[in-house]
Amino acid sequence: MHQYDLYGIGAALLDTEIEVSDDDLQSLGVDKGVMTLVDDHRQHQLVSALSDHLVTAKRACGGSGANTVIAASYFGLSTFYSCKVAADENGDFYRADLADAGVAYPGTLSEAEPGVTGKCLVLITPDAERSMNTFLGISAGLSTAELDIEALSASRWAYIEGYLVSSPTGKAAAIELRQAAERAGVKTSLSLSDPAMVHLFHDGLREMIGDGVDLLFCNRDEALGFSGTDSIAAAAEGLKAHCRSFAITLGAEGALLWDGEREYRVAAPKVHAIDTNGAGDMFAGAFLYGINRGMSFEEAGELACRAAGQVVSQYGPRLRPDQHGELLTAEVEARDAE
């Protein structure tokens, strides 16, 4: 009997979303469509320059891995999340938000050190693209000290956020988590997280993956970059050397899945996208819910595409708690109608 369905690890960030134009990005010197690590001064500079813009998202605990684990929890999985916050007001808020979402966490999160909890400024352009400027704060020091091997060993799946590759201690924690999961017979999954991470830290991601994870998540650009190819077909073949299954998200084209034996193409619902922030995180959370609950890869992919489609059609990287139940009901009805 497993205590947890999913054990995740990643950065702890407080998200703020602001609507901007492409001209704003250019004048501010912000790289579009990727995550850029910045210091506290640069983030304050950006916030000040954009003070007259509309903030469209309420404060919520975020970070890619957290978004995935929280989504999985709201769908119905029992979850655990390792991260690091500071002894500040944002850290208190972060712990409370995790608890409200039903996510358990290690005791180290309640014994926070002095410092600044990480923050992510998400700039949304009219084409729904998100450009992230992240000040990791104390999350940069996430390490093996934040792991709870007992909780991990009592889990079905482990989920590793690829962004951890940018921190030496975070990368070491991710590697130790994967190795401990393998020793305990816990299935492993990892997200490549961002094209910039693939470009800048390719070798580090290879270290995190080791001899191969059970399930690899990535989007089109990450798949092409990681495999060094120029087509999805070639990228898919290249990725098979690093995992026992994968899910490649393709935006409006849906997803390409491989369950270890055969490939599947899953269509995405037609939606009006206004904010792509969190789409990949939601896809992973819904997909992990599906395979934990006995769905086939194709069924889990269909649910994940519907969930990601819902996320991009509204502001913010997360859905309301009730929307997860509505998606599951719609999934059952769609299957019954077939």
C-alpha atoms as a PDB file:
ATOM      1  CA  MET A   1       0.000   0.000   0.000  1.00  0.00           C
ATOM      2  CA  HIS A   2       1.461   3.346  -1.060  1.00  0.00           C
ATOM      3  CA  GLN A   3       1.021   6.417   1.122  1.00  0.00           C
ATOM      4  CA  TYR A   4       1.498   8.782  -1.821  1.00  0.00           C
ATOM      5  CA  ASP A   5       0.702   8.499  -5.508  1.00  0.00           C
ATOM      6  CA  LEU A   6       3.138  11.240  -6.486  1.00  0.00           C
ATOM      7  CA  TYR A   7       6.264  12.763  -4.914  1.00  0.00           C
ATOM      8  CA  GLY A   8       7.511  15.916  -6.626  1.00  0.00           C
ATOM      9  CA  ILE A   9      10.522  18.189  -6.291  1.00  0.00           C
ATOM     10  CA  GLY A  10      11.046  21.686  -7.659  1.00  0.00           C
ATOM     11  CA  ALA A  11      11.381  25.373  -6.966  1.00  0.00           C
ATOM     12  CA  ALA A  12       8.949  27.251  -4.728  1.00  0.00           C
ATOM     13  CA  LEU A  13       7.954  30.523  -6.399  1.00  0.00           C
ATOM     14  CA  LEU A  14       5.255  33.138  -5.865  1.00  0.00           C
ATOM     15  CA  ASP A  15       3.826  34.004  -9.298  1.00  0.00           C
ATOM     16  CA  THR A  16       2.686  37.391 -10.565  1.00  0.00           C
ATOM     17  CA  GLU A  17       1.280  37.729 -14.097  1.00  0.00           C
ATOM     18  CA  ILE A  18       1.209  40.988 -16.072  1.00  0.00           C
ATOM     19  CA  GLU A  19      -0.200  41.616 -19.546  1.00  0.00           C
ATOM     20  CA  VAL A  20       2.353  43.300 -21.823  1.00  0.00           C
ATOM     21  CA  SER A  21       2.961  44.001 -25.508  1.00  0.00           C
ATOM     22  CA  ASP A  22       5.815  42.737 -27.667  1.00  0.00           C
ATOM     23  CA  ASP A  23       7.102  46.318 -27.673  1.00  0.00           C
ATOM     24  CA  ASP A  24       7.198  46.193 -23.859  1.00  0.00           C
ATOM     25  CA  LEU A  25       9.330  43.040 -23.978  1.00  0.00           C
ATOM     26  CA  GLN A  26      11.685  44.646 -26.460  1.00  0.00           C
ATOM     27  CA  SER A  27      12.056  47.897 -24.520  1.00  0.00           C
ATOM     28  CA  LEU A  28      12.671  45.984 -21.287  1.00  0.00           C
ATOM     29  CA  GLY A  29      15.154  43.609 -22.887  1.00  0.00           C
ATOM     30  CA  VAL A  30      13.122  40.502 -22.002  1.00  0.00           C
ATOM     31  CA  ASP A  31      13.641  37.314 -24.029  1.00  0.00           C
ATOM     32  CA  LYS A  32      10.264  36.129 -25.286  1.00  0.00           C
ATOM     33  CA  GLY A  33       8.836  32.679 -24.581  1.00  0.00           C
ATOM     34  CA  VAL A  34      11.478  31.374 -22.201  1.00  0.00           C
ATOM     35  CA  MET A  35      12.382  31.462 -18.525  1.00  0.00           C
ATOM     36  CA  THR A  36      15.220  33.823 -17.644  1.00  0.00           C
ATOM     37  CA  LEU A  37      16.896  33.777 -14.236  1.00  0.00           C
ATOM     38  CA  VAL A  38      17.293  37.281 -12.795  1.00  0.00           C
ATOM     39  CA  ASP A  39      18.459  38.789  -9.512  1.00  0.00           C
ATOM     40  CA  ASP A  40      16.202  40.611  -7.067  1.00  0.00           C
ATOM     41  CA  HIS A  41      17.285  44.031  -8.367  1.00  0.00           C
ATOM     42  CA  ARG A  42      16.372  43.182 -11.970  1.00  0.00           C
ATOM     43  CA  GLN A  43      12.982  41.833 -10.926  1.00  0.00           C
ATOM     44  CA  HIS A  44      12.222  44.984  -8.924  1.00  0.00           C
ATOM     45  CA  GLN A  45      13.288  47.018 -11.956  1.00  0.00           C
ATOM     46  CA  LEU A  46      10.826  45.141 -14.174  1.00  0.00           C
ATOM     47  CA  VAL A  47       7.962  45.426 -11.677  1.00  0.00           C
ATOM     48  CA  SER A  48       8.572  49.166 -11.330  1.00  0.00           C
ATOM     49  CA  ALA A  49       8.640  49.672 -15.101  1.00  0.00           C
ATOM     50  CA  LEU A  50       5.356  47.768 -15.434  1.00  0.00           C
ATOM     51  CA  SER A  51       3.587  49.304 -12.450  1.00  0.00           C
ATOM     52  CA  ASP A  52       0.876  50.803 -14.656  1.00  0.00           C
ATOM     53  CA  HIS A  53      -0.025  47.442 -16.225  1.00  0.00           C
ATOM     54  CA  LEU A  54      -2.892  45.261 -15.154  1.00  0.00           C
ATOM     55  CA  VAL A  55      -1.977  42.377 -12.868  1.00  0.00           C
ATOM     56  CA  THR A  56      -4.279  39.598 -14.015  1.00  0.00           C
ATOM     57  CA  ALA A  57      -3.432  36.735 -11.676  1.00  0.00           C
ATOM     58  CA  LYS A  58      -3.983  36.431  -7.970  1.00  0.00           C
ATOM     59  CA  ARG A  59      -1.031  35.489  -5.817  1.00  0.00           C
ATOM     60  CA  ALA A  60      -0.579  31.727  -5.678  1.00  0.00           C
ATOM     61  CA  CYS A  61       2.237  29.356  -4.917  1.00  0.00           C
ATOM     62  CA  GLY A  62       3.864  28.277  -8.124  1.00  0.00           C
ATOM     63  CA  GLY A  63       6.966  26.930  -9.719  1.00  0.00           C
ATOM     64  CA  SER A  64       6.616  24.367 -12.497  1.00  0.00           C
ATOM     65  CA  GLY A  65       6.833  21.268 -10.300  1.00  0.00           C
ATOM     66  CA  ALA A  66       4.438  22.720  -7.753  1.00  0.00           C
ATOM     67  CA  ASN A  67       1.865  23.490 -10.456  1.00  0.00           C
ATOM     68  CA  THR A  68       2.028  19.867 -11.617  1.00  0.00           C
ATOM     69  CA  VAL A  69       1.777  18.347  -8.147  1.00  0.00           C
ATOM     70  CA  ILE A  70      -1.060  20.684  -7.122  1.00  0.00           C
ATOM     71  CA  ALA A  71      -2.995  19.792 -10.284  1.00  0.00           C
ATOM     72  CA  ALA A  72      -2.502  16.077  -9.584  1.00  0.00           C
ATOM     73  CA  SER A  73      -3.718  16.616  -6.019  1.00  0.00           C
ATOM     74  CA  TYR A  74      -6.883  18.422  -7.136  1.00  0.00           C
ATOM     75  CA  PHE A  75      -7.594  15.648  -9.627  1.00  0.00           C
ATOM     76  CA  GLY A  76      -7.471  13.188  -6.736  1.00  0.00           C
ATOM     77  CA  LEU A  77      -3.940  11.880  -6.204  1.00  0.00           C
ATOM     78  CA  SER A  78      -2.236  11.816  -2.803  1.00  0.00           C
ATOM     79  CA  THR A  79       0.820  14.030  -3.217  1.00  0.00           C
ATOM     80  CA  PHE A  80       4.028  15.203  -1.551  1.00  0.00           C
ATOM     81  CA  TYR A  81       6.276  18.086  -2.593  1.00  0.00           C
ATOM     82  CA  SER A  82       9.871  18.943  -1.687  1.00  0.00           C
ATOM     83  CA  CYS A  83      10.866  22.581  -2.087  1.00  0.00           C
ATOM     84  CA  LYS A  84      12.401  25.434  -0.093  1.00  0.00           C
ATOM     85  CA  VAL A  85      10.896  28.690   1.182  1.00  0.00           C
ATOM     86  CA  ALA A  86      12.238  31.434   3.427  1.00  0.00           C
ATOM     87  CA  ALA A  87      11.052  32.578   6.834  1.00  0.00           C
ATOM     88  CA  ASP A  88       9.073  35.460   5.350  1.00  0.00           C
ATOM     89  CA  GLU A  89       5.447  36.310   4.620  1.00  0.00           C
ATOM     90  CA  ASN A  90       5.587  34.734   1.169  1.00  0.00           C
ATOM     91  CA  GLY A  91       6.990  31.542   2.678  1.00  0.00           C
ATOM     92  CA  ASP A  92       4.089  31.390   5.149  1.00  0.00           C
ATOM     93  CA  PHE A  93       1.645  31.922   2.288  1.00  0.00           C
ATOM     94  CA  TYR A  94       3.313  29.209   0.219  1.00  0.00           C
ATOM     95  CA  ARG A  95       3.013  26.565   2.944  1.00  0.00           C
ATOM     96  CA  ALA A  96      -0.640  27.452   3.532  1.00  0.00           C
ATOM     97  CA  ASP A  97      -1.409  27.279  -0.190  1.00  0.00           C
ATOM     98  CA  LEU A  98       0.184  23.827  -0.481  1.00  0.00           C
ATOM     99  CA  ALA A  99      -1.815  22.624   2.509  1.00  0.00           C
ATOM    100  CA  ASP A 100      -5.045  24.036   1.066  1.00  0.00           C
ATOM    101  CA  ALA A 101      -4.363  22.032  -2.104  1.00  0.00           C
ATOM    102  CA  GLY A 102      -3.906  18.857  -0.073  1.00  0.00           C
ATOM    103  CA  VAL A 103      -0.178  18.572  -0.783  1.00  0.00           C
ATOM    104  CA  ALA A 104       2.028  17.189   2.009  1.00  0.00           C
ATOM    105  CA  TYR A 105       5.578  18.520   2.451  1.00  0.00           C
ATOM    106  CA  PRO A 106       8.715  17.741   4.484  1.00  0.00           C
ATOM    107  CA  GLY A 107       9.305  19.115   7.954  1.00  0.00           C
ATOM    108  CA  THR A 108      12.153  21.243   6.601  1.00  0.00           C
ATOM    109  CA  LEU A 109       9.566  23.483   4.927  1.00  0.00           C
ATOM    110  CA  SER A 110       8.208  24.428   8.353  1.00  0.00           C
ATOM    111  CA  GLU A 111      11.712  25.143   9.645  1.00  0.00           C
ATOM    112  CA  ALA A 112      12.402  27.915   7.149  1.00  0.00           C
ATOM    113  CA  GLU A 113      15.647  29.867   7.202  1.00  0.00           C
ATOM    114  CA  PRO A 114      16.034  33.661   6.897  1.00  0.00           C
ATOM    115  CA  GLY A 115      16.044  34.856   3.312  1.00  0.00           C
ATOM    116  CA  VAL A 116      13.648  35.664   0.474  1.00  0.00           C
ATOM    117  CA  THR A 117      11.124  33.231  -0.966  1.00  0.00           C
ATOM    118  CA  GLY A 118      11.475  32.917  -4.751  1.00  0.00           C
ATOM    119  CA  LYS A 119       9.318  34.958  -7.096  1.00  0.00           C
ATOM    120  CA  CYS A 120       8.400  34.641 -10.767  1.00  0.00           C
ATOM    121  CA  LEU A 121       7.227  37.546 -12.906  1.00  0.00           C
ATOM    122  CA  VAL A 122       5.237  36.144 -15.842  1.00  0.00           C
ATOM    123  CA  LEU A 123       4.769  38.534 -18.780  1.00  0.00           C
ATOM    124  CA  ILE A 124       1.880  37.592 -21.095  1.00  0.00           C
ATOM    125  CA  THR A 125       1.754  38.972 -24.653  1.00  0.00           C
ATOM    126  CA  PRO A 126      -1.399  39.156 -26.830  1.00  0.00           C
ATOM    127  CA  ASP A 127      -0.426  35.922 -28.625  1.00  0.00           C
ATOM    128  CA  ALA A 128      -0.770  34.134 -25.239  1.00  0.00           C
ATOM    129  CA  GLU A 129       2.988  33.475 -25.019  1.00  0.00           C
ATOM    130  CA  ARG A 130       4.531  33.652 -21.559  1.00  0.00           C
ATOM    131  CA  SER A 131       7.980  35.096 -20.844  1.00  0.00           C
ATOM    132  CA  MET A 132       9.187  34.392 -17.320  1.00  0.00           C
ATOM    133  CA  ASN A 133      11.696  36.308 -15.234  1.00  0.00           C
ATOM    134  CA  THR A 134      12.523  34.300 -12.149  1.00  0.00           C
ATOM    135  CA  PHE A 135      14.323  35.321  -8.980  1.00  0.00           C
ATOM    136  CA  LEU A 136      14.929  31.997  -7.266  1.00  0.00           C
ATOM    137  CA  GLY A 137      15.674  33.511  -3.873  1.00  0.00           C
ATOM    138  CA  ILE A 138      16.163  30.795  -1.292  1.00  0.00           C
ATOM    139  CA  SER A 139      15.008  28.167  -3.831  1.00  0.00           C
ATOM    140  CA  ALA A 140      18.476  28.413  -5.376  1.00  0.00           C
ATOM    141  CA  GLY A 141      19.673  26.590  -2.258  1.00  0.00           C
ATOM    142  CA  LEU A 142      17.278  23.648  -2.577  1.00  0.00           C
ATOM    143  CA  SER A 143      19.368  20.586  -1.765  1.00  0.00           C
ATOM    144  CA  THR A 144      19.294  16.978  -0.612  1.00  0.00           C
ATOM    145  CA  ALA A 145      18.408  18.339   2.851  1.00  0.00           C
ATOM    146  CA  GLU A 146      14.882  18.974   1.542  1.00  0.00           C
ATOM    147  CA  LEU A 147      14.358  15.342   0.487  1.00  0.00           C
ATOM    148  CA  ASP A 148      12.180  12.987   2.523  1.00  0.00           C
ATOM    149  CA  ILE A 149      13.356   9.546   1.434  1.00  0.00           C
ATOM    150  CA  GLU A 150      10.775   7.812   3.620  1.00  0.00           C
ATOM    151  CA  ALA A 151       7.931   9.632   1.883  1.00  0.00           C
ATOM    152  CA  LEU A 152       9.533   8.997  -1.513  1.00  0.00           C
ATOM    153  CA  SER A 153       9.849   5.273  -0.811  1.00  0.00           C
ATOM    154  CA  ALA A 154       6.143   5.198   0.062  1.00  0.00           C
ATOM    155  CA  SER A 155       5.185   6.731  -3.319  1.00  0.00           C
ATOM    156  CA  ARG A 156       4.164   5.261  -6.674  1.00  0.00           C
ATOM    157  CA  TRP A 157       5.758   7.944  -8.844  1.00  0.00           C
ATOM    158  CA  ALA A 158       8.455  10.604  -8.503  1.00  0.00           C
ATOM    159  CA  TYR A 159       8.326  13.808 -10.574  1.00  0.00           C
ATOM    160  CA  ILE A 160      11.406  15.982 -11.149  1.00  0.00           C
ATOM    161  CA  GLU A 161      11.286  19.578 -12.386  1.00  0.00           C
ATOM    162  CA  GLY A 162      13.947  20.158 -15.037  1.00  0.00           C
ATOM    163  CA  TYR A 163      14.516  23.756 -13.934  1.00  0.00           C
ATOM    164  CA  LEU A 164      16.509  22.349 -10.983  1.00  0.00           C
ATOM    165  CA  VAL A 165      19.384  21.816 -13.401  1.00  0.00           C
ATOM    166  CA  SER A 166      20.250  25.536 -13.110  1.00  0.00           C
ATOM    167  CA  SER A 167      21.247  25.146  -9.433  1.00  0.00           C
ATOM    168  CA  PRO A 168      24.187  22.906  -8.464  1.00  0.00           C
ATOM    169  CA  THR A 169      22.520  21.872  -5.208  1.00  0.00           C
ATOM    170  CA  GLY A 170      19.141  21.515  -6.916  1.00  0.00           C
ATOM    171  CA  LYS A 171      20.611  19.282  -9.610  1.00  0.00           C
ATOM    172  CA  ALA A 172      22.297  17.144  -6.946  1.00  0.00           C
ATOM    173  CA  ALA A 173      18.960  16.806  -5.110  1.00  0.00           C
ATOM    174  CA  ALA A 174      17.202  15.794  -8.322  1.00  0.00           C
ATOM    175  CA  ILE A 175      19.828  13.132  -9.047  1.00  0.00           C
ATOM    176  CA  GLU A 176      19.652  11.776  -5.493  1.00  0.00           C
ATOM    177  CA  LEU A 177      15.855  11.687  -5.706  1.00  0.00           C
ATOM    178  CA  ARG A 178      15.948   9.721  -8.969  1.00  0.00           C
ATOM    179  CA  GLN A 179      18.517   7.274  -7.622  1.00  0.00           C
ATOM    180  CA  ALA A 180      16.605   6.776  -4.352  1.00  0.00           C
ATOM    181  CA  ALA A 181      13.389   6.235  -6.316  1.00  0.00           C
ATOM    182  CA  GLU A 182      15.081   3.615  -8.481  1.00  0.00           C
ATOM    183  CA  ARG A 183      16.386   1.797  -5.402  1.00  0.00           C
ATOM    184  CA  ALA A 184      12.902   1.807  -3.868  1.00  0.00           C
ATOM    185  CA  GLY A 185      11.133   0.652  -7.037  1.00  0.00           C
ATOM    186  CA  VAL A 186       9.356   4.015  -7.455  1.00  0.00           C
ATOM    187  CA  LYS A 187       8.652   5.007 -11.072  1.00  0.00           C
ATOM    188  CA  THR A 188      10.457   8.163 -12.210  1.00  0.00           C
ATOM    189  CA  SER A 189       9.303  11.058 -14.375  1.00  0.00           C
ATOM    190  CA  LEU A 190      11.028  14.286 -15.378  1.00  0.00           C
ATOM    191  CA  SER A 191      10.077  17.412 -17.314  1.00  0.00           C
ATOM    192  CA  LEU A 192      12.642  19.190 -19.497  1.00  0.00           C
ATOM    193  CA  SER A 193      10.808  22.373 -18.385  1.00  0.00           C
ATOM    194  CA  ASP A 194      12.047  25.037 -20.828  1.00  0.00           C
ATOM    195  CA  PRO A 195      13.918  25.371 -24.156  1.00  0.00           C
ATOM    196  CA  ALA A 196      16.456  27.662 -22.464  1.00  0.00           C
ATOM    197  CA  MET A 197      17.259  24.989 -19.874  1.00  0.00           C
ATOM    198  CA  VAL A 198      17.794  22.449 -22.660  1.00  0.00           C
ATOM    199  CA  HIS A 199      20.085  24.854 -24.525  1.00  0.00           C
ATOM    200  CA  LEU A 200      22.105  26.056 -21.528  1.00  0.00           C
ATOM    201  CA  PHE A 201      22.204  22.926 -19.365  1.00  0.00           C
ATOM    202  CA  HIS A 202      21.947  19.987 -21.761  1.00  0.00           C
ATOM    203  CA  ASP A 203      24.673  17.946 -20.069  1.00  0.00           C
ATOM    204  CA  GLY A 204      23.206  18.624 -16.631  1.00  0.00           C
ATOM    205  CA  LEU A 205      19.817  17.355 -17.751  1.00  0.00           C
ATOM    206  CA  ARG A 206      21.506  14.213 -19.067  1.00  0.00           C
ATOM    207  CA  GLU A 207      22.987  13.736 -15.592  1.00  0.00           C
ATOM    208  CA  MET A 208      19.564  14.173 -13.994  1.00  0.00           C
ATOM    209  CA  ILE A 209      18.051  11.611 -16.367  1.00  0.00           C
ATOM    210  CA  GLY A 210      20.869   9.118 -15.805  1.00  0.00           C
ATOM    211  CA  ASP A 211      20.308   5.788 -17.552  1.00  0.00           C
ATOM    212  CA  GLY A 212      16.724   6.805 -18.300  1.00  0.00           C
ATOM    213  CA  VAL A 213      13.526   7.815 -16.547  1.00  0.00           C
ATOM    214  CA  ASP A 214      10.255   5.929 -16.801  1.00  0.00           C
ATOM    215  CA  LEU A 215       8.428   8.937 -18.271  1.00  0.00           C
ATOM    216  CA  LEU A 216       9.788  12.085 -19.900  1.00  0.00           C
ATOM    217  CA  PHE A 217       7.685  15.227 -20.451  1.00  0.00           C
ATOM    218  CA  CYS A 218       8.700  17.942 -22.914  1.00  0.00           C
ATOM    219  CA  ASN A 219       7.289  20.282 -25.530  1.00  0.00           C
ATOM    220  CA  ARG A 220       8.207  20.475 -29.217  1.00  0.00           C
ATOM    221  CA  ASP A 221      11.118  22.930 -28.834  1.00  0.00           C
ATOM    222  CA  GLU A 222      12.559  21.050 -25.874  1.00  0.00           C
ATOM    223  CA  ALA A 223      12.332  17.730 -27.715  1.00  0.00           C
ATOM    224  CA  LEU A 224      14.097  19.131 -30.777  1.00  0.00           C
ATOM    225  CA  GLY A 225      16.763  20.859 -28.702  1.00  0.00           C
ATOM    226  CA  PHE A 226      17.475  17.926 -26.425  1.00  0.00           C
ATOM    227  CA  SER A 227      17.716  15.433 -29.288  1.00  0.00           C
ATOM    228  CA  GLY A 228      19.589  17.805 -31.628  1.00  0.00           C
ATOM    229  CA  THR A 229      17.156  17.112 -34.465  1.00  0.00           C
ATOM    230  CA  ASP A 230      14.927  19.195 -36.731  1.00  0.00           C
ATOM    231  CA  SER A 231      11.753  17.094 -36.851  1.00  0.00           C
ATOM    232  CA  ILE A 232       9.409  15.650 -34.251  1.00  0.00           C
ATOM    233  CA  ALA A 233       9.739  12.163 -35.766  1.00  0.00           C
ATOM    234  CA  ALA A 234      13.513  12.275 -35.391  1.00  0.00           C
ATOM    235  CA  ALA A 235      13.261  13.821 -31.925  1.00  0.00           C
ATOM    236  CA  ALA A 236      10.924  11.051 -30.798  1.00  0.00           C
ATOM    237  CA  GLU A 237      13.440   8.427 -31.875  1.00  0.00           C
ATOM    238  CA  GLY A 238      16.235  10.308 -30.117  1.00  0.00           C
ATOM    239  CA  LEU A 239      14.316  10.626 -26.856  1.00  0.00           C
ATOM    240  CA  LYS A 240      13.729   6.886 -26.669  1.00  0.00           C
ATOM    241  CA  ALA A 241      17.351   6.438 -25.620  1.00  0.00           C
ATOM    242  CA  HIS A 242      16.683   8.459 -22.457  1.00  0.00           C
ATOM    243  CA  CYS A 243      13.326   7.178 -21.222  1.00  0.00           C
ATOM    244  CA  ARG A 244      10.982   4.219 -21.184  1.00  0.00           C
ATOM    245  CA  SER A 245       8.036   6.356 -22.295  1.00  0.00           C
ATOM    246  CA  PHE A 246       7.394   9.987 -23.169  1.00  0.00           C
ATOM    247  CA  ALA A 247       4.806  12.688 -23.760  1.00  0.00           C
ATOM    248  CA  ILE A 248       5.682  15.506 -26.169  1.00  0.00           C
ATOM    249  CA  THR A 249       3.205  18.384 -26.090  1.00  0.00           C
ATOM    250  CA  LEU A 250       2.606  20.111 -29.426  1.00  0.00           C
ATOM    251  CA  GLY A 251       0.421  23.075 -28.479  1.00  0.00           C
ATOM    252  CA  ALA A 252      -2.694  23.361 -30.625  1.00  0.00           C
ATOM    253  CA  GLU A 253      -1.684  20.113 -32.376  1.00  0.00           C
ATOM    254  CA  GLY A 254      -2.125  18.072 -29.188  1.00  0.00           C
ATOM    255  CA  ALA A 255       0.539  15.612 -28.085  1.00  0.00           C
ATOM    256  CA  LEU A 256       2.716  12.759 -29.282  1.00  0.00           C
ATOM    257  CA  LEU A 257       2.880   9.888 -26.781  1.00  0.00           C
ATOM    258  CA  TRP A 258       4.995   6.751 -26.580  1.00  0.00           C
ATOM    259  CA  ASP A 259       4.139   4.079 -24.029  1.00  0.00           C
ATOM    260  CA  GLY A 260       7.298   2.076 -24.597  1.00  0.00           C
ATOM    261  CA  GLU A 261       5.779   0.016 -27.397  1.00  0.00           C
ATOM    262  CA  ARG A 262       3.728   2.222 -29.689  1.00  0.00           C
ATOM    263  CA  GLU A 263       3.218   5.884 -30.434  1.00  0.00           C
ATOM    264  CA  TYR A 264      -0.089   7.763 -30.242  1.00  0.00           C
ATOM    265  CA  ARG A 265      -1.176  11.165 -31.510  1.00  0.00           C
ATOM    266  CA  VAL A 266      -3.750  12.885 -29.317  1.00  0.00           C
ATOM    267  CA  ALA A 267      -5.652  15.923 -30.559  1.00  0.00           C
ATOM    268  CA  ALA A 268      -6.011  19.115 -28.567  1.00  0.00           C
ATOM    269  CA  PRO A 269      -9.425  20.732 -28.054  1.00  0.00           C
ATOM    270  CA  LYS A 270     -10.064  23.917 -29.996  1.00  0.00           C
ATOM    271  CA  VAL A 271      -9.796  26.795 -27.520  1.00  0.00           C
ATOM    272  CA  HIS A 272      -9.076  30.504 -27.548  1.00  0.00           C
ATOM    273  CA  ALA A 273      -5.661  30.713 -25.875  1.00  0.00           C
ATOM    274  CA  ILE A 274      -5.007  33.835 -23.826  1.00  0.00           C
ATOM    275  CA  ASP A 275      -2.231  32.643 -21.478  1.00  0.00           C
ATOM    276  CA  THR A 276       0.015  29.615 -22.074  1.00  0.00           C
ATOM    277  CA  ASN A 277       1.638  29.849 -18.634  1.00  0.00           C
ATOM    278  CA  GLY A 278       1.290  26.504 -16.863  1.00  0.00           C
ATOM    279  CA  ALA A 279       0.014  24.511 -19.845  1.00  0.00           C
ATOM    280  CA  GLY A 280       2.821  21.966 -19.730  1.00  0.00           C
ATOM    281  CA  ASP A 281       2.631  21.736 -15.936  1.00  0.00           C
ATOM    282  CA  MET A 282      -1.094  21.017 -16.086  1.00  0.00           C
ATOM    283  CA  PHE A 283      -0.591  18.464 -18.867  1.00  0.00           C
ATOM    284  CA  ALA A 284       1.902  16.578 -16.690  1.00  0.00           C
ATOM    285  CA  GLY A 285      -0.330  16.711 -13.608  1.00  0.00           C
ATOM    286  CA  ALA A 286      -3.372  15.417 -15.478  1.00  0.00           C
ATOM    287  CA  PHE A 287      -1.350  12.772 -17.308  1.00  0.00           C
ATOM    288  CA  LEU A 288       0.207  11.475 -14.078  1.00  0.00           C
ATOM    289  CA  TYR A 289      -3.264  11.348 -12.536  1.00  0.00           C
ATOM    290  CA  GLY A 290      -4.507   9.314 -15.478  1.00  0.00           C
ATOM    291  CA  ILE A 291      -1.817   6.652 -15.478  1.00  0.00           C
ATOM    292  CA  ASN A 292      -1.979   6.416 -11.680  1.00  0.00           C
ATOM    293  CA  ARG A 293      -5.683   5.642 -11.999  1.00  0.00           C
ATOM    294  CA  GLY A 294      -5.346   2.951 -14.629  1.00  0.00           C
ATOM    295  CA  MET A 295      -5.930   4.959 -17.797  1.00  0.00           C
ATOM    296  CA  SER A 296      -4.080   3.977 -20.952  1.00  0.00           C
ATOM    297  CA  PHE A 297      -1.493   6.405 -22.319  1.00  0.00           C
ATOM    298  CA  GLU A 298      -3.984   7.516 -24.944  1.00  0.00           C
ATOM    299  CA  GLU A 299      -6.738   8.115 -22.379  1.00  0.00           C
ATOM    300  CA  ALA A 300      -4.361   9.951 -20.037  1.00  0.00           C
ATOM    301  CA  GLY A 301      -3.168  12.057 -22.970  1.00  0.00           C
ATOM    302  CA  GLU A 302      -6.723  13.018 -23.913  1.00  0.00           C
ATOM    303  CA  LEU A 303      -7.449  14.137 -20.345  1.00  0.00           C
ATOM    304  CA  ALA A 304      -4.148  16.027 -20.197  1.00  0.00           C
ATOM    305  CA  CYS A 305      -4.844  17.856 -23.468  1.00  0.00           C
ATOM    306  CA  ARG A 306      -8.310  18.875 -22.250  1.00  0.00           C
ATOM    307  CA  ALA A 307      -6.841  20.118 -18.962  1.00  0.00           C
ATOM    308  CA  ALA A 308      -4.056  22.066 -20.690  1.00  0.00           C
ATOM    309  CA  GLY A 309      -6.627  23.545 -23.078  1.00  0.00           C
ATOM    310  CA  GLN A 310      -8.656  24.762 -20.111  1.00  0.00           C
ATOM    311  CA  VAL A 311      -5.578  26.375 -18.535  1.00  0.00           C
ATOM    312  CA  VAL A 312      -4.555  28.319 -21.634  1.00  0.00           C
ATOM    313  CA  SER A 313      -8.086  29.672 -22.076  1.00  0.00           C
ATOM    314  CA  GLN A 314      -7.897  31.603 -18.785  1.00  0.00           C
ATOM    315  CA  TYR A 315      -5.289  33.584 -16.870  1.00  0.00           C
ATOM    316  CA  GLY A 316      -2.969  31.912 -14.411  1.00  0.00           C
ATOM    317  CA  PRO A 317      -1.099  28.576 -14.394  1.00  0.00           C
ATOM    318  CA  ARG A 318      -3.679  26.728 -12.311  1.00  0.00           C
ATOM    319  CA  LEU A 319      -7.359  25.826 -12.502  1.00  0.00           C
ATOM    320  CA  ARG A 320      -9.910  26.357  -9.759  1.00  0.00           C
ATOM    321  CA  PRO A 321     -10.333  23.213  -7.617  1.00  0.00           C
ATOM    322  CA  ASP A 322     -13.828  22.535  -9.010  1.00  0.00           C
ATOM    323  CA  GLN A 323     -12.605  22.662 -12.620  1.00  0.00           C
ATOM    324  CA  HIS A 324     -10.595  19.471 -12.103  1.00  0.00           C
ATOM    325  CA  GLY A 325     -13.725  17.537 -11.195  1.00  0.00           C
ATOM    326  CA  GLU A 326     -15.569  19.006 -14.170  1.00  0.00           C
ATOM    327  CA  LEU A 327     -12.804  17.814 -16.499  1.00  0.00           C
ATOM    328  CA  LEU A 328     -12.974  14.285 -15.080  1.00  0.00           C
ATOM    329  CA  THR A 329     -16.759  14.238 -15.515  1.00  0.00           C
ATOM    330  CA  ALA A 330     -16.418  15.452 -19.110  1.00  0.00           C
ATOM    331  CA  GLU A 331     -13.801  12.757 -19.767  1.00  0.00           C
ATOM    332  CA  VAL A 332     -16.143   9.996 -18.537  1.00  0.00           C
ATOM    333  CA  GLU A 333     -19.013  11.382 -20.600  1.00  0.00           C
ATOM    334  CA  ALA A 334     -16.835  11.580 -23.711  1.00  0.00           C
ATOM    335  CA  ARG A 335     -15.781   7.932 -23.300  1.00  0.00           C
ATOM    336  CA  ASP A 336     -19.362   6.802 -22.700  1.00  0.00           C
ATOM    337  CA  ALA A 337     -20.439   8.584 -25.880  1.00  0.00           C
ATOM    338  CA  GLU A 338     -17.907   6.712 -28.018  1.00  0.00           C
END
